Protein backbone atom coordinates (compact mmCIF):
# COMPACT_ATOMS: atom_id res chain seq x y z
CA MET A 1 0.02 0.21 0.13
CA THR A 2 2.79 2.43 1.05
CA GLN A 3 4.67 1.30 -2.14
CA MET A 4 1.94 2.28 -4.05
CA ILE A 5 1.33 5.51 -2.77
CA SER A 6 4.91 6.64 -3.46
CA GLU A 7 5.09 5.53 -6.56
CA ASN A 8 1.92 7.64 -7.31
CA THR A 9 3.61 10.20 -5.78
CA ALA A 10 6.65 10.49 -8.10
CA SER A 11 4.30 10.03 -11.16
CA GLN A 12 2.65 13.42 -10.06
CA SER A 13 5.74 15.16 -9.01
CA GLU A 14 7.74 14.24 -11.76
CA ALA A 15 6.85 12.75 -15.24
CA PRO A 16 9.40 10.07 -16.51
CA VAL A 17 11.51 11.52 -19.23
CA PRO A 18 10.42 9.10 -22.11
CA THR A 19 13.66 7.82 -23.90
CA GLY A 20 15.04 5.03 -26.77
CA PRO A 21 12.12 3.59 -28.25
CA THR A 22 9.26 5.12 -26.41
CA LEU A 23 10.42 8.58 -27.29
CA LEU A 24 10.24 7.72 -31.01
CA ARG A 25 6.57 6.31 -30.86
CA ARG A 26 5.50 9.50 -29.33
CA MET A 27 7.23 11.56 -31.66
CA ARG A 28 6.26 9.95 -34.66
CA PRO A 29 2.72 11.35 -34.88
CA MET A 30 3.91 14.96 -34.43
CA ALA A 31 7.07 14.07 -37.32
CA THR A 32 4.35 12.86 -39.37
CA THR A 33 1.94 15.58 -38.96
CA VAL A 34 4.82 18.06 -39.34
CA GLY A 35 5.85 16.73 -42.85
CA VAL A 36 2.02 16.18 -43.94
CA SER A 37 1.58 19.99 -43.00
CA PHE A 38 4.73 20.54 -45.09
CA GLY A 39 2.75 18.33 -48.15
CA ILE A 40 -0.13 20.91 -47.55
CA VAL A 41 1.68 24.03 -47.95
CA GLY A 42 3.15 22.42 -51.09
CA LEU A 43 -0.54 21.93 -52.18
CA GLN A 44 -1.80 25.64 -51.60
CA LEU A 45 1.50 26.66 -52.96
CA ALA A 46 0.75 24.68 -56.01
CA GLN A 47 -3.24 26.15 -55.93
CA GLY A 48 -1.88 29.68 -55.18
CA ILE A 49 0.41 29.12 -58.43
CA LEU A 50 -2.04 27.38 -60.45
CA LEU A 51 -4.57 30.61 -59.77
CA ALA A 52 -2.05 32.98 -60.84
CA ARG A 53 -1.10 31.54 -63.88
CA LEU A 54 -4.27 30.69 -65.10
CA LEU A 55 -5.95 34.06 -64.10
CA GLY A 56 -3.16 36.49 -64.29
CA PRO A 57 -2.63 39.27 -61.41
CA GLN A 58 -6.26 41.10 -62.52
CA GLY A 59 -7.86 37.68 -62.59
CA ARG A 60 -6.38 36.73 -59.23
CA GLY A 61 -7.21 39.90 -57.64
CA GLU A 62 -10.92 39.35 -58.91
CA TYR A 63 -11.34 35.97 -57.32
CA ALA A 64 -9.38 37.04 -54.06
CA ALA A 65 -12.46 39.80 -53.59
CA ALA A 66 -15.22 37.18 -54.43
CA VAL A 67 -14.25 34.57 -52.29
CA LEU A 68 -13.19 37.14 -49.36
CA TYR A 69 -15.96 37.43 -46.99
CA SER A 70 -16.66 33.72 -47.29
CA GLN A 71 -13.01 33.22 -46.57
CA ILE A 72 -13.19 35.14 -43.72
CA LEU A 73 -16.64 33.81 -42.07
CA VAL A 74 -15.48 30.18 -42.49
CA PHE A 75 -13.88 29.75 -38.86
CA VAL A 76 -15.51 32.58 -37.38
CA GLY A 77 -18.81 31.06 -38.11
CA LEU A 78 -17.58 27.71 -36.93
CA PHE A 79 -18.32 29.83 -33.25
CA GLY A 80 -16.22 27.00 -31.42
CA ALA A 81 -17.48 23.67 -33.22
CA VAL A 82 -13.58 22.34 -33.88
CA GLU A 83 -12.32 23.41 -30.61
CA ILE A 84 -15.31 21.58 -28.62
CA VAL A 85 -15.44 18.61 -30.92
CA CYS A 86 -11.94 18.22 -30.47
CA ARG A 87 -12.06 18.28 -26.43
CA TYR A 88 -14.76 15.85 -26.06
CA ALA A 89 -12.78 13.59 -28.52
CA ALA A 90 -9.20 14.09 -26.41
CA ASN A 91 -11.50 13.46 -23.43
CA GLY A 92 -12.42 10.06 -24.49
CA LYS A 93 -15.36 9.66 -22.29
CA ILE A 94 -17.97 9.56 -25.57
CA ASP A 95 -18.12 6.77 -28.20
CA ARG A 96 -16.23 8.25 -31.38
CA THR A 97 -19.57 7.17 -33.98
CA SER A 98 -21.78 8.99 -31.46
CA LEU A 99 -19.88 11.89 -31.12
CA ARG A 100 -19.05 12.09 -34.84
CA LYS A 101 -22.75 12.02 -35.91
CA SER A 102 -23.75 14.65 -33.56
CA ALA A 103 -20.62 16.66 -35.21
CA GLY A 104 -22.11 16.27 -38.35
CA ARG A 105 -25.52 17.62 -37.37
CA LEU A 106 -23.23 20.57 -35.56
CA ALA A 107 -21.46 21.11 -39.43
CA LEU A 108 -24.88 21.37 -41.03
CA ILE A 109 -26.32 23.87 -38.32
CA THR A 110 -23.26 26.30 -38.56
CA GLY A 111 -22.50 25.73 -42.25
CA VAL A 112 -26.12 26.77 -43.36
CA ALA A 113 -26.07 30.02 -40.77
CA THR A 114 -23.01 30.93 -42.30
CA THR A 115 -23.60 30.57 -45.38
CA ILE A 116 -26.55 32.99 -45.09
CA ILE A 117 -24.54 35.46 -43.07
CA GLY A 118 -21.63 35.51 -46.14
CA ILE A 119 -24.31 35.94 -48.22
CA PHE A 120 -25.39 39.10 -47.07
CA CYS A 121 -21.98 40.57 -46.14
CA THR A 122 -21.22 40.16 -49.39
CA ILE A 123 -23.73 42.12 -50.93
CA VAL A 124 -23.88 44.71 -47.97
CA GLY A 125 -19.56 44.94 -48.06
CA MET A 126 -18.63 44.84 -51.36
CA PRO A 127 -17.08 48.05 -52.51
CA GLY A 128 -18.13 49.89 -55.23
CA ASP A 129 -15.50 49.62 -57.77
CA LYS A 130 -15.85 45.63 -57.51
CA ARG A 131 -19.65 45.23 -57.04
CA TYR A 132 -19.38 43.32 -60.72
CA LEU A 133 -17.95 40.38 -58.82
CA LEU A 134 -21.21 39.86 -56.79
CA PRO A 135 -22.22 36.95 -58.69
CA LEU A 136 -19.21 35.18 -58.56
CA ALA A 137 -18.92 36.36 -54.92
CA LEU A 138 -22.83 34.49 -54.06
CA VAL A 139 -21.25 31.05 -55.79
CA CYS A 140 -18.05 31.00 -53.71
CA ALA A 141 -20.61 31.75 -50.62
CA PHE A 142 -21.71 27.81 -50.98
CA SER A 143 -18.27 26.50 -50.36
CA VAL A 144 -18.44 27.35 -46.73
CA LEU A 145 -21.14 24.62 -45.69
CA GLY A 146 -18.58 21.82 -47.57
CA GLN A 147 -15.70 23.70 -45.60
CA HIS A 148 -17.18 23.30 -42.22
CA ALA A 149 -17.99 19.68 -42.63
CA THR A 150 -14.95 18.83 -43.39
CA LEU A 151 -13.32 20.69 -40.65
CA VAL A 152 -15.49 19.75 -38.06
CA LEU A 153 -15.64 16.14 -39.32
CA SER A 154 -11.81 15.59 -39.03
CA ALA A 155 -11.92 17.31 -35.43
CA VAL A 156 -13.02 14.07 -34.32
CA ASP A 157 -10.34 12.16 -35.28
CA ARG A 158 -7.36 14.93 -34.52
CA GLY A 159 -8.61 15.26 -30.83
CA ALA A 160 -8.95 11.61 -30.27
CA GLY A 161 -5.38 11.24 -31.58
CA ASP A 162 -6.27 9.32 -34.50
CA PHE A 163 -3.60 11.48 -36.78
CA ALA A 164 -3.26 8.96 -39.40
CA ARG A 165 -6.71 9.55 -40.47
CA TYR A 166 -6.85 13.01 -39.91
CA ASN A 167 -3.90 13.66 -41.87
CA ARG A 168 -5.42 11.97 -44.64
CA LEU A 169 -8.37 13.92 -44.70
CA ARG A 170 -6.25 17.52 -44.73
CA LEU A 171 -4.13 16.28 -47.42
CA VAL A 172 -7.59 15.28 -49.47
CA ALA A 173 -8.99 18.91 -48.44
CA ALA A 174 -5.88 20.94 -49.59
CA GLY A 175 -5.37 18.90 -52.81
CA MET A 176 -9.14 18.92 -54.17
CA LEU A 177 -9.04 22.42 -55.83
CA PRO A 178 -5.36 22.35 -57.21
CA LEU A 179 -6.16 19.02 -58.74
CA LEU A 180 -9.49 20.17 -60.23
CA LEU A 181 -7.74 23.45 -61.34
CA THR A 182 -5.39 21.55 -63.31
CA ILE A 183 -8.11 18.88 -64.57
CA TRP A 184 -10.12 21.42 -66.10
CA ALA A 185 -6.98 23.16 -67.26
CA LEU A 186 -6.23 20.53 -69.55
CA ILE A 187 -10.02 20.42 -70.67
CA ALA A 188 -11.21 23.59 -71.44
CA GLU A 189 -10.31 27.42 -70.80
CA THR A 190 -10.22 28.54 -67.10
CA THR A 191 -12.16 31.46 -66.38
CA LEU A 192 -13.18 33.13 -62.85
CA LEU A 193 -16.65 31.91 -62.86
CA SER A 194 -15.36 27.89 -63.43
CA THR A 195 -12.74 28.73 -60.38
CA CYS A 196 -15.62 29.45 -58.12
CA VAL A 197 -17.81 26.70 -59.05
CA LEU A 198 -14.64 24.26 -58.66
CA LEU A 199 -14.27 25.71 -55.32
CA VAL A 200 -17.33 24.52 -54.35
CA VAL A 201 -17.27 21.63 -56.02
CA ALA A 202 -13.82 20.34 -54.13
CA THR A 203 -15.36 21.16 -50.65
CA PHE A 204 -18.14 18.72 -51.70
CA PHE A 205 -15.51 16.01 -52.67
CA SER A 206 -13.77 17.15 -49.31
CA THR A 207 -16.87 16.20 -47.29
CA LEU A 208 -17.31 12.91 -49.01
CA SER A 209 -13.66 11.91 -48.28
CA CYS A 210 -14.63 12.26 -44.30
CA LEU A 211 -17.30 9.92 -44.51
CA LEU A 212 -15.33 7.23 -46.17
CA GLY A 213 -14.09 4.27 -44.18
CA ILE A 214 -16.39 5.22 -40.91
CA LYS A 215 -19.06 3.21 -39.07
CA ASP A 216 -22.54 2.95 -40.18
CA GLN A 217 -24.01 5.27 -37.55
CA ALA A 218 -27.97 4.07 -38.21
CA GLY A 219 -29.01 3.52 -34.74
CA VAL A 220 -26.64 5.31 -33.12
CA SER A 221 -27.50 7.95 -30.99
CA SER A 222 -25.77 11.40 -31.57
CA ALA A 223 -23.65 12.45 -27.80
CA PRO A 224 -23.79 15.15 -26.85
CA LYS A 225 -26.38 16.53 -28.57
CA ALA A 226 -25.50 19.30 -31.54
CA THR A 227 -27.35 22.20 -29.44
CA GLN A 228 -25.41 21.33 -26.37
CA LEU A 229 -21.93 21.43 -28.54
CA LEU A 230 -22.76 24.55 -29.98
CA ARG A 231 -23.72 26.22 -26.68
CA GLU A 232 -20.56 24.84 -24.75
CA GLY A 233 -18.57 25.90 -27.85
CA ARG A 234 -19.60 29.46 -27.54
CA PRO A 235 -16.62 30.87 -25.61
CA TYR A 236 -14.14 29.47 -28.54
CA GLY A 237 -16.30 31.18 -30.77
CA VAL A 238 -15.93 34.29 -29.04
CA SER A 239 -12.14 33.81 -29.21
CA MET A 240 -12.05 32.83 -32.50
CA ILE A 241 -13.88 36.04 -33.61
CA ALA A 242 -11.48 38.41 -31.79
CA THR A 243 -8.63 35.96 -33.51
CA ASP A 244 -9.94 36.20 -37.07
CA LEU A 245 -10.16 40.00 -36.60
CA LEU A 246 -6.55 40.42 -36.25
CA ASP A 247 -5.57 37.77 -38.68
CA ARG A 248 -8.40 38.87 -41.36
CA LEU A 249 -8.21 42.37 -40.93
CA ASP A 250 -5.68 42.95 -43.59
CA LEU A 251 -7.05 41.41 -46.06
CA LEU A 252 -10.22 43.34 -45.61
CA LEU A 253 -8.42 46.33 -45.44
CA VAL A 254 -6.68 45.71 -48.81
CA LEU A 255 -10.11 44.96 -50.03
CA TRP A 256 -11.25 48.50 -49.84
CA LEU A 257 -8.16 50.33 -50.33
CA ALA A 258 -6.30 48.38 -53.38
CA GLY A 259 -7.05 48.34 -56.59
CA ILE A 260 -7.50 44.75 -58.27
CA VAL A 261 -4.21 44.38 -59.63
CA THR A 262 -2.59 45.17 -55.92
CA GLN A 263 -5.02 42.98 -54.45
CA GLY A 264 -4.19 40.11 -56.95
CA PHE A 265 -0.57 40.53 -55.68
CA TYR A 266 -0.87 40.60 -51.98
CA ASN A 267 -3.28 37.58 -52.11
CA ALA A 268 -0.52 35.50 -54.30
CA MET A 269 2.07 36.31 -51.67
CA ILE A 270 -0.33 34.88 -49.19
CA PRO A 271 0.12 31.02 -49.48
CA VAL A 272 4.02 32.13 -50.37
CA ALA A 273 5.03 33.21 -47.21
CA TYR A 274 2.22 30.79 -45.50
CA PRO A 275 5.19 27.68 -44.66
CA LEU A 276 6.66 29.92 -41.84
CA THR A 277 3.45 29.25 -39.77
CA VAL A 278 3.65 25.37 -39.85
CA ILE A 279 5.96 24.03 -37.59
CA PRO A 280 4.64 25.97 -34.51
CA ASN A 281 1.19 25.84 -35.90
CA THR A 282 1.41 21.94 -35.76
CA LEU A 283 3.36 21.79 -32.17
CA GLY A 284 -0.04 24.16 -31.51
CA MET A 285 -2.39 20.80 -32.01
CA PHE A 286 -0.06 18.37 -29.93
CA LEU A 287 -0.20 21.15 -27.21
CA PHE A 288 -3.92 21.57 -27.61
CA ASN A 289 -4.36 17.94 -26.73
CA ALA A 290 -1.82 17.66 -23.97
CA GLY A 291 -3.60 20.68 -22.48
CA ALA A 292 -7.20 19.37 -22.69
CA LYS A 293 -6.47 15.94 -20.87
CA GLU A 294 -6.91 15.62 -17.31
CA GLY A 295 -3.56 16.78 -15.40
CA GLY A 296 -2.25 18.26 -18.58
CA GLY A 297 -0.56 21.63 -19.20
CA LEU A 298 2.95 23.08 -19.14
CA SER A 299 5.66 23.37 -16.65
CA VAL A 300 7.21 26.56 -16.66
CA SER A 301 10.86 24.78 -18.09
CA ARG A 302 8.67 23.24 -20.85
CA PHE A 303 7.31 26.42 -21.82
CA ARG A 304 10.64 28.65 -21.97
CA HIS A 305 12.21 25.61 -24.07
CA ILE A 306 9.05 25.75 -26.38
CA ILE A 307 9.14 29.59 -26.88
CA ALA A 308 13.29 29.81 -27.27
CA LEU A 309 13.21 26.74 -29.84
CA SER A 310 10.17 28.28 -31.95
CA MET A 311 11.78 31.34 -31.92
CA LEU A 312 15.28 30.08 -33.01
CA ILE A 313 13.09 27.81 -36.10
CA GLN A 314 11.00 30.72 -37.12
CA THR A 315 14.16 33.41 -37.22
CA VAL A 316 16.38 30.55 -39.42
CA THR A 317 13.34 29.79 -41.62
CA THR A 318 12.55 33.45 -41.84
CA LEU A 319 16.09 34.37 -43.07
CA ALA A 320 16.57 31.72 -45.41
CA PHE A 321 13.17 32.71 -46.99
CA LEU A 322 14.05 36.25 -47.41
CA ALA A 323 17.36 35.13 -49.05
CA LEU A 324 15.56 32.89 -51.82
CA VAL A 325 11.84 34.32 -52.10
CA SER A 326 12.66 36.78 -54.85
CA PRO A 327 14.42 34.29 -57.61
CA VAL A 328 11.88 31.62 -56.73
CA VAL A 329 8.76 33.78 -57.08
CA THR A 330 9.98 35.36 -60.60
CA PHE A 331 10.88 32.05 -61.86
CA VAL A 332 7.65 30.23 -60.27
CA TYR A 333 4.68 32.87 -60.87
CA GLY A 334 6.24 34.72 -63.77
CA VAL A 335 7.92 38.12 -64.46
CA GLU A 336 4.38 39.93 -64.28
CA PHE A 337 4.24 39.02 -60.42
CA ALA A 338 7.41 40.62 -59.70
CA PRO A 339 5.78 43.58 -58.07
CA ALA A 340 4.06 41.22 -55.72
CA ILE A 341 7.80 40.58 -54.20
CA SER A 342 7.61 43.23 -52.29
CA PHE A 343 4.80 42.21 -50.21
CA ALA A 344 6.06 38.57 -49.41
CA MET A 345 9.46 39.93 -47.88
CA TRP A 346 6.85 41.69 -45.34
CA LEU A 347 4.44 39.27 -44.93
CA ALA A 348 7.31 36.71 -44.39
CA PRO A 349 8.23 38.22 -40.54
CA VAL A 350 4.25 38.84 -40.05
CA ALA A 351 3.49 34.84 -40.95
CA ALA A 352 6.73 33.62 -38.58
CA ILE A 353 5.22 35.52 -36.11
CA LYS A 354 1.76 34.38 -36.56
CA GLY A 355 2.93 30.51 -36.17
CA ILE A 356 4.05 31.25 -32.65
CA VAL A 357 0.79 33.13 -31.91
CA GLN A 358 -1.33 30.13 -33.20
CA GLY A 359 0.34 27.49 -31.10
CA LEU A 360 0.05 29.40 -27.81
CA GLU A 361 -3.59 29.98 -28.57
CA SER A 362 -4.63 26.24 -29.51
CA TYR A 363 -2.38 25.43 -25.95
CA LEU A 364 -4.69 27.86 -24.03
CA LYS A 365 -7.84 26.48 -25.84
CA GLY A 366 -6.68 23.46 -25.13
CA ARG A 367 -6.73 24.53 -21.66
CA GLY A 368 -10.26 25.13 -21.66
CA GLN A 369 -9.35 29.14 -21.53
CA PRO A 370 -10.34 30.72 -24.97
CA MET A 371 -11.47 33.77 -23.32
CA ALA A 372 -8.04 34.43 -22.18
CA THR A 373 -6.98 35.61 -25.76
CA ILE A 374 -9.57 37.93 -26.14
CA ARG A 375 -8.11 40.64 -24.74
CA ILE A 376 -4.82 40.51 -26.27
CA ARG A 377 -6.61 39.88 -29.46
CA VAL A 378 -8.57 43.27 -29.18
CA LEU A 379 -5.74 44.97 -27.99
CA SER A 380 -3.67 43.98 -30.93
CA ALA A 381 -6.01 45.04 -33.55
CA VAL A 382 -6.37 48.55 -31.95
CA PHE A 383 -2.67 48.88 -32.39
CA MET A 384 -2.32 47.50 -35.82
CA LEU A 385 -5.21 50.01 -36.73
CA VAL A 386 -3.86 52.96 -35.18
CA ALA A 387 -0.01 51.87 -36.96
CA ILE A 388 -2.11 51.56 -40.41
CA ALA A 389 -3.61 55.42 -39.79
CA PHE A 390 -0.36 56.83 -39.35
CA LEU A 391 1.56 54.90 -41.99
CA TYR A 392 -0.49 54.85 -44.78
CA PRO A 393 0.28 58.29 -45.98
CA VAL A 394 4.03 57.66 -46.16
CA THR A 395 3.99 53.87 -47.27
CA SER A 396 0.47 53.46 -48.92
CA ILE A 397 -0.70 50.08 -48.80
CA PHE A 398 2.50 48.38 -46.99
CA ALA A 399 1.36 49.97 -44.16
CA ILE A 400 -1.47 47.45 -43.89
CA ILE A 401 1.30 44.73 -43.58
CA GLN A 402 3.51 46.96 -41.35
CA GLY A 403 0.83 47.54 -38.88
CA SER A 404 -0.08 43.26 -39.26
CA LEU A 405 3.59 43.18 -37.78
CA LEU A 406 2.70 45.32 -35.00
CA GLY A 407 -0.23 43.42 -34.22
CA GLN A 408 0.94 40.27 -34.28
CA VAL A 409 4.61 41.31 -32.00
CA VAL A 410 1.62 42.55 -29.37
CA CYS A 411 0.06 39.13 -29.66
CA LEU A 412 3.42 37.26 -29.00
CA ILE A 413 4.27 39.38 -26.05
CA GLY A 414 0.64 39.15 -24.37
CA LEU A 415 -0.07 35.30 -25.18
CA SER A 416 3.55 34.23 -23.83
CA ILE A 417 2.93 36.30 -20.60
CA ILE A 418 -0.72 34.44 -20.21
CA VAL A 419 0.69 30.94 -21.09
CA TYR A 420 3.52 31.45 -18.70
CA GLN A 421 1.12 32.60 -16.08
CA ASP A 422 -0.64 29.16 -16.35
CA ALA A 423 2.62 27.32 -16.57
CA VAL A 424 3.53 28.38 -13.11
CA GLN A 425 -0.12 27.44 -11.91
CA CYS A 426 0.53 23.91 -12.98
CA ASP A 427 4.09 23.55 -11.50
CA ARG A 428 2.45 25.22 -7.82
CA SER A 429 -0.94 22.22 -8.59
CA ARG A 430 1.72 19.44 -9.52
CA VAL A 431 3.89 20.41 -6.12
CA SER A 432 0.40 20.86 -3.97
CA ASN A 433 -0.46 17.29 -5.08
CA ALA A 434 2.78 15.79 -4.63
CA ASN A 435 2.68 17.17 -0.79
CA ASP A 436 -0.71 16.29 -0.25
CA ALA A 437 0.38 12.20 -1.54
CA THR A 438 3.29 12.77 0.73
CA GLN A 439 0.88 13.61 3.79
CA THR A 440 -1.28 10.61 3.17
CA ILE A 441 1.93 8.00 3.17
CA SER A 442 2.60 9.53 6.43
CA SER A 443 -0.81 9.10 7.96
CA THR A 444 -0.75 5.59 6.32
CA GLU A 445 2.43 4.76 7.72
CA GLN A 446 1.56 6.13 11.07
CA VAL A 447 -1.98 3.68 11.18
């Protein structure tokens, strides 16, 4: 009895450090997911190159304007569905088939609601000189339903730690549109209309892939109810609104302040800089699951190691990116996109910091603290807008990226402080648990 308590005390006070085969087994899902994330980035780059080559700078700008409001509302409209489904799956107390059925119903609710809101925002919020794109933008709005279904259904596998299936679904979702664009380009002329229609078709096929290989759900009751998930996901939804307020604000400002061609240059360079977010963002998936598990949470020492390593990786990769981006963009996108290189240079540090910020946010959401990020996000947006107002007369459209950079720096500082405070609490809780267990041992020995 005393020996058993002593062993429990040791496990609570300090978890053993895995070594050898055990460490390799634990690292394999993360290494695979990082590799898949880079594969997805490659597919997104291929999609960006196809759109740029097939549509040209003006067509790329028109597509960006048409899809913008749907793109902004995809994650906002989920209203915390992905995070709350992940938490239930990570907890493991509910059968995965029942949870998947409930997740499907939840995706239908959020998808339909977000599509309707997206149509309204597109009609009201499209600038006057770009209103000729309204019919195409309304077509793009119907892509939201399929994206919601894919994101929410795959969240079950992500939360349950089934990263093999989760990574397959991510690859299919990322590769479907570039595949369809390639096939279409081989058989017919690619127009703006055909591109928007293919976007909707791609989301439909992505949803179908989520339904393949799962158990028959007939006769299985959904648990918990979709309405309960929606209600419990509200804090995550509010947090996501604050998150996207900063992350997508630059795209909204470009829509209103830039011409079509400039918007095409700007949006063409976003997937070019996106690889800089991959490593810390992927780490955030695992930090979410670690924080969601009972008794989880970072120690102060581990938090410092993660931040230091992330900063080192992001610095090295950003410097390499800046050295290579000019010749690569000119070669891959063509000389007509050479003016876009300046956007890529400025977007690189924004993406590098954003990756770390998203990783920290994932951890806090896993810890059940999504509301902790809202004040930081709002403060960051204020800093961003003030900086843009001061810089716009001097640096024109580049002021938007420079303001975004300041906003991400504010986010990084603020979220680091919050996560550090959480790590201090976790350390104190572990020490307290160890002391309680020690007292229990003493009481047992006296008896």
